Protein backbone atom coordinates (compact mmCIF):
# COMPACT_ATOMS: atom_id res chain seq x y z
CA MET A 1 54.36 12.64 96.67
CA ARG A 2 51.36 13.11 94.45
CA LEU A 3 47.74 14.12 94.58
CA GLY A 4 45.07 11.43 94.67
CA GLN A 5 43.24 13.16 91.82
CA SER A 6 46.23 12.43 89.56
CA LEU A 7 45.10 8.77 89.51
CA ILE A 8 41.57 9.56 88.32
CA GLY A 9 41.07 8.53 84.70
CA ASN A 10 44.13 6.26 84.61
CA PRO A 11 43.60 2.73 83.30
CA VAL A 12 43.83 -0.25 85.66
CA ILE A 13 45.83 -2.91 83.84
CA LYS A 14 46.44 -6.56 84.73
CA MET A 15 50.17 -7.24 84.82
CA THR A 16 49.73 -10.88 83.80
CA ASP A 17 48.20 -10.25 80.36
CA GLY A 18 48.00 -6.47 79.88
CA ARG A 19 44.18 -6.47 79.83
CA GLU A 20 42.50 -3.25 80.96
CA LEU A 21 40.13 -3.85 83.87
CA GLY A 22 38.66 -0.36 83.78
CA LYS A 23 39.57 3.21 84.59
CA VAL A 24 40.05 4.80 87.99
CA LYS A 25 36.91 6.78 88.76
CA ASP A 26 37.65 7.45 92.43
CA LEU A 27 39.69 6.23 95.38
CA TYR A 28 38.55 4.47 98.55
CA LEU A 29 40.33 5.50 101.74
CA ASP A 30 40.26 3.67 105.06
CA ASN A 31 37.99 5.06 107.77
CA ASN A 32 40.92 6.83 109.49
CA LEU A 33 42.08 8.44 106.22
CA LYS A 34 45.55 6.93 106.47
CA PHE A 35 45.81 4.94 103.23
CA VAL A 36 44.13 4.05 99.96
CA VAL A 37 42.29 0.74 100.38
CA GLY A 38 40.82 0.47 96.90
CA VAL A 39 40.44 1.91 93.44
CA PHE A 40 36.81 2.56 92.47
CA LEU A 41 36.07 1.48 88.88
CA GLY A 42 32.42 2.52 88.76
CA SER A 43 29.05 0.90 89.36
CA GLU A 44 27.38 -1.86 87.39
CA GLY A 45 23.76 -2.97 87.10
CA LEU A 46 20.56 -1.39 85.83
CA ILE A 47 18.33 -1.68 88.88
CA LYS A 48 20.72 -2.27 91.77
CA ARG A 49 23.92 -0.31 91.17
CA THR A 50 26.85 -2.28 92.61
CA PRO A 51 30.22 -0.57 93.00
CA THR A 52 33.23 -2.37 91.52
CA PHE A 53 36.78 -1.83 92.69
CA VAL A 54 40.26 -3.23 92.96
CA LYS A 55 41.64 -3.57 96.49
CA SER A 56 44.99 -1.87 97.09
CA THR A 57 46.46 -5.19 98.18
CA ASP A 58 45.90 -6.35 94.58
CA VAL A 59 47.77 -3.33 93.16
CA ALA A 60 51.46 -3.69 92.36
CA VAL A 61 52.05 -0.09 91.23
CA PHE A 62 50.15 3.19 91.44
CA GLY A 63 51.94 4.59 88.40
CA MET A 64 51.82 8.05 86.89
CA ASP A 65 50.03 6.77 83.76
CA ALA A 66 48.40 3.52 84.91
CA VAL A 67 47.56 1.38 87.92
CA LEU A 68 49.03 -2.11 87.58
CA ALA A 69 47.06 -4.95 89.17
CA ARG A 70 48.92 -8.01 90.51
CA ASN A 71 46.74 -11.02 89.70
CA THR A 72 43.90 -12.19 87.50
CA VAL A 73 40.95 -12.08 89.92
CA VAL A 74 41.07 -8.55 91.30
CA VAL A 75 37.81 -6.80 90.43
CA GLN A 76 35.54 -6.92 93.50
CA GLU A 77 31.92 -5.95 94.02
CA GLY A 78 31.17 -3.55 96.87
CA ASP A 79 28.39 -5.56 98.48
CA ARG A 80 30.63 -8.63 98.91
CA LEU A 81 33.05 -7.06 101.40
CA PRO A 82 31.51 -5.94 104.70
CA GLU A 83 34.52 -3.73 105.50
CA SER A 84 33.88 -1.66 102.36
CA GLU A 85 30.95 0.00 104.16
CA GLN A 86 33.50 1.76 106.39
CA TRP A 87 35.57 3.11 103.51
CA VAL A 88 35.50 6.77 102.51
CA ARG A 89 35.44 7.78 98.86
CA LEU A 90 37.70 10.65 97.89
CA ASP A 91 34.82 12.50 96.23
CA GLY A 92 32.95 12.33 99.55
CA LEU A 93 35.92 13.80 101.39
CA GLU A 94 36.37 16.72 99.03
CA GLY A 95 34.87 19.91 100.38
CA ARG A 96 35.04 18.79 104.03
CA ASP A 97 35.67 21.83 106.25
CA VAL A 98 38.98 22.03 108.11
CA ASP A 99 39.35 23.94 111.37
CA THR A 100 41.41 24.11 114.57
CA PRO A 101 40.39 22.62 117.95
CA GLY A 102 39.30 26.14 118.92
CA GLY A 103 36.99 26.36 115.91
CA THR A 104 39.05 28.70 113.70
CA LYS A 105 38.17 27.91 110.10
CA ILE A 106 41.23 27.02 107.99
CA GLY A 107 39.75 25.90 104.67
CA ARG A 108 38.36 22.83 102.90
CA VAL A 109 39.80 19.51 101.77
CA ALA A 110 40.47 19.53 98.03
CA ASP A 111 42.44 16.29 97.65
CA VAL A 112 44.69 13.80 99.41
CA VAL A 113 48.47 13.79 99.13
CA LEU A 114 49.78 10.24 98.64
CA ASP A 115 53.21 8.71 99.01
CA ALA A 116 54.57 6.02 96.66
CA GLU A 117 52.80 3.23 98.60
CA ALA A 118 49.40 5.02 98.45
CA ARG A 119 49.51 6.05 102.09
CA VAL A 120 47.89 9.39 102.90
CA ALA A 121 50.72 11.80 103.72
CA GLY A 122 48.35 14.74 104.02
CA PHE A 123 45.62 16.80 102.44
CA ARG A 124 45.56 19.51 99.79
CA LEU A 125 43.41 22.46 100.89
CA THR A 126 41.26 25.01 99.11
CA HIS A 127 39.22 28.05 100.26
CA LEU A 128 41.95 28.95 102.76
CA SER A 129 41.03 31.40 105.52
CA VAL A 130 44.49 31.70 107.08
CA GLU A 131 47.76 33.32 106.13
CA GLY A 132 51.34 32.14 106.57
CA PRO A 133 53.08 28.83 105.82
CA LEU A 134 49.83 26.86 105.56
CA ALA A 135 48.39 29.29 103.01
CA GLU A 136 51.62 29.10 100.99
CA SER A 137 51.86 25.31 100.91
CA LYS A 138 48.08 24.69 100.72
CA THR A 139 48.70 21.32 102.38
CA VAL A 140 48.27 19.79 105.83
CA ALA A 141 50.39 16.79 106.83
CA ARG A 142 48.41 13.77 108.05
CA GLY A 143 50.31 13.94 111.36
CA ALA A 144 48.75 17.35 112.11
CA VAL A 145 45.20 15.97 111.88
CA VAL A 146 43.55 15.70 115.29
CA ASP A 147 40.11 14.51 114.08
CA VAL A 148 39.16 13.38 110.56
CA GLY A 149 35.58 14.62 110.99
CA HIS A 150 33.39 11.53 110.81
CA GLN A 151 31.14 12.72 113.64
CA ASP A 152 30.64 16.39 112.78
CA GLY A 153 31.83 16.52 109.16
CA VAL A 154 34.69 18.88 110.05
CA MET A 155 38.35 17.85 109.99
CA THR A 156 40.31 19.32 112.89
CA VAL A 157 44.05 20.04 112.66
CA ASP A 158 46.72 21.31 115.02
CA LEU A 159 47.59 24.60 113.29
CA ALA A 160 51.05 24.97 114.85
CA LEU A 161 52.02 21.45 113.78
CA ALA A 162 50.47 21.93 110.33
CA GLU A 163 52.58 25.04 109.78
CA ARG A 164 55.80 23.20 110.74
CA GLU A 165 55.28 20.11 108.57
CA THR A 166 55.34 20.80 104.83
CA LEU A 167 54.62 18.41 101.98
CA GLU A 168 56.24 18.47 98.56
CA ILE A 169 53.95 17.40 95.75
CA ASN A 170 55.31 16.12 92.45
CA PRO A 171 54.43 18.88 89.97
CA ASP A 172 53.68 16.24 87.29
CA SER A 173 50.75 15.00 89.37
CA LEU A 174 49.16 18.43 89.09
CA PHE A 175 48.99 18.18 85.30
CA SER A 176 46.86 15.06 85.12
CA GLN A 177 44.04 16.48 87.22
CA PRO A 178 40.78 17.25 85.45
CA GLY A 179 40.79 20.93 84.56
CA ALA A 180 44.48 21.44 85.30
CA VAL A 181 46.47 23.56 82.89
CA GLU A 182 49.61 21.94 81.59
CA THR A 183 52.63 24.12 81.08
CA PRO A 184 54.97 23.48 78.15
CA GLN A 185 58.15 21.57 79.04
CA SER A 186 61.43 22.92 77.68
């Protein structure tokens, strides 16, 4: 598993001819925060800024160094897909408070943890207010999430379940984050 931030800055390359379509600037998640639905490439236009992206269905591989796009017509504009209005950008999810159903503050969302198929396996946390297994792993499995927080802006998790389910993150994905410190390999 890897962190969503590890994809930021990677080139998006067409498999058919090797042409670079852009760089990953952010990720779009579905409204239920269960999977990546698109790769945000940025916004175009001087007066009306239109977001451009590649849908996940057009991605063959979310690689460690690049995202490989399947076909030749993959760059979409945000205002052409009505469902894109329901998507959540990763940068909009970062900093969302996380608590228990009883209101005990746990921390804040720092990132998403993705599996090989770009499904959300869980969330990386920061500003932790609890001790124990959750504080050690700094992650919450997606299965422990009771409410993603669209109504009140607070993600709610079942603490007992979150402490039982642990996620292992590929250490290499930590090194490609902005501001991460890379350790020498022996």
